[in-house]
Amino acid sequence: MPGEPRAVALVKLSSLGDVIHALPVAEALAAALPRTRLVWLVERREAALLRDHPALDEVIDVDTRAWRSARTPGQVV
């Protein structure tokens, strides 16, 4: 595909059911954009579900609880 993006980030952080329901999106993107790197940002507790998924090139787990409990932006970094 001309103009194919180099990378796409999927952001569905939490709710196990929502993550599972979003998996077909990753599969469709992988099929439509085979040279595009697919990265999924997900809450740490759901990351194991996605780690070895063949449509994904990388899974980045984030701790949103730390974001919510931080009082200043510097506490998250």
Protein backbone atom coordinates (compact mmCIF):
# COMPACT_ATOMS: atom_id res chain seq x y z
CA MET A 1 0.00 0.00 0.00
CA PRO A 2 1.50 3.39 -0.99
CA GLY A 3 1.97 5.71 1.94
CA GLU A 4 1.77 2.85 4.41
CA PRO A 5 2.63 4.12 7.91
CA ARG A 6 5.85 2.88 9.50
CA ALA A 7 4.10 2.17 12.80
CA VAL A 8 0.66 2.18 14.40
CA ALA A 9 0.04 2.32 18.13
CA LEU A 10 -3.12 0.73 19.46
CA VAL A 11 -4.15 2.12 22.83
CA LYS A 12 -6.66 0.04 24.74
CA LEU A 13 -5.37 0.10 28.24
CA SER A 14 -7.71 -1.94 30.36
CA SER A 15 -10.82 -4.01 30.80
CA LEU A 16 -9.98 -7.55 29.76
CA GLY A 17 -13.18 -7.92 27.72
CA ASP A 18 -12.53 -4.69 25.83
CA VAL A 19 -8.97 -5.79 25.05
CA ILE A 20 -10.24 -9.14 23.73
CA HIS A 21 -12.91 -7.42 21.62
CA ALA A 22 -10.26 -5.10 20.14
CA LEU A 23 -8.00 -7.97 18.99
CA PRO A 24 -9.71 -8.22 15.56
CA VAL A 25 -8.63 -4.61 14.94
CA ALA A 26 -4.98 -5.61 15.38
CA GLU A 27 -5.48 -8.61 13.11
CA ALA A 28 -7.16 -6.50 10.42
CA LEU A 29 -4.42 -3.87 10.58
CA ALA A 30 -1.71 -6.53 10.33
CA ALA A 31 -3.41 -8.01 7.26
CA ALA A 32 -4.02 -4.64 5.59
CA LEU A 33 -0.63 -3.11 6.47
CA PRO A 34 1.87 -5.99 6.47
CA ARG A 35 4.99 -3.77 6.56
CA THR A 36 3.67 -1.56 9.36
CA ARG A 37 4.92 -2.12 12.89
CA LEU A 38 1.99 -2.66 15.29
CA VAL A 39 2.47 -1.66 18.91
CA TRP A 40 -0.21 -2.02 21.61
CA LEU A 41 -0.19 -0.02 24.84
CA VAL A 42 -2.06 -1.89 27.54
CA GLU A 43 -2.49 -1.94 31.30
CA ARG A 44 0.13 -4.16 32.94
CA ARG A 45 -2.41 -6.74 34.15
CA GLU A 46 -3.66 -7.43 30.59
CA ALA A 47 -0.25 -7.42 28.87
CA ALA A 48 0.30 -11.19 29.14
CA LEU A 49 -2.77 -11.78 26.98
CA LEU A 50 -1.22 -9.82 24.11
CA ARG A 51 2.51 -10.60 24.42
CA ASP A 52 2.72 -13.47 21.93
CA HIS A 53 -0.08 -12.40 19.62
CA PRO A 54 1.14 -12.88 16.03
CA ALA A 55 -0.39 -9.62 14.75
CA LEU A 56 1.59 -7.49 17.21
CA ASP A 57 5.23 -6.50 16.97
CA GLU A 58 5.43 -5.05 20.47
CA VAL A 59 3.33 -4.79 23.62
CA ILE A 60 4.07 -1.94 26.01
CA ASP A 61 2.57 -2.34 29.45
CA VAL A 62 1.78 0.77 31.45
CA ASP A 63 0.85 1.27 35.07
CA THR A 64 -2.13 3.61 34.95
CA ARG A 65 -2.57 3.25 38.69
CA ALA A 66 0.68 5.18 39.11
CA TRP A 67 -0.70 7.90 36.84
CA ARG A 68 -3.87 8.18 38.88
CA SER A 69 -2.07 8.30 42.21
CA ALA A 70 0.63 10.77 41.11
CA ARG A 71 0.27 14.27 42.46
CA THR A 72 2.66 15.84 39.94
CA PRO A 73 3.74 14.83 36.42
CA GLY A 74 7.28 14.23 37.69
CA GLN A 75 6.07 11.43 39.95
CA VAL A 76 4.97 9.40 36.93
CA VAL A 77 8.27 9.74 35.08
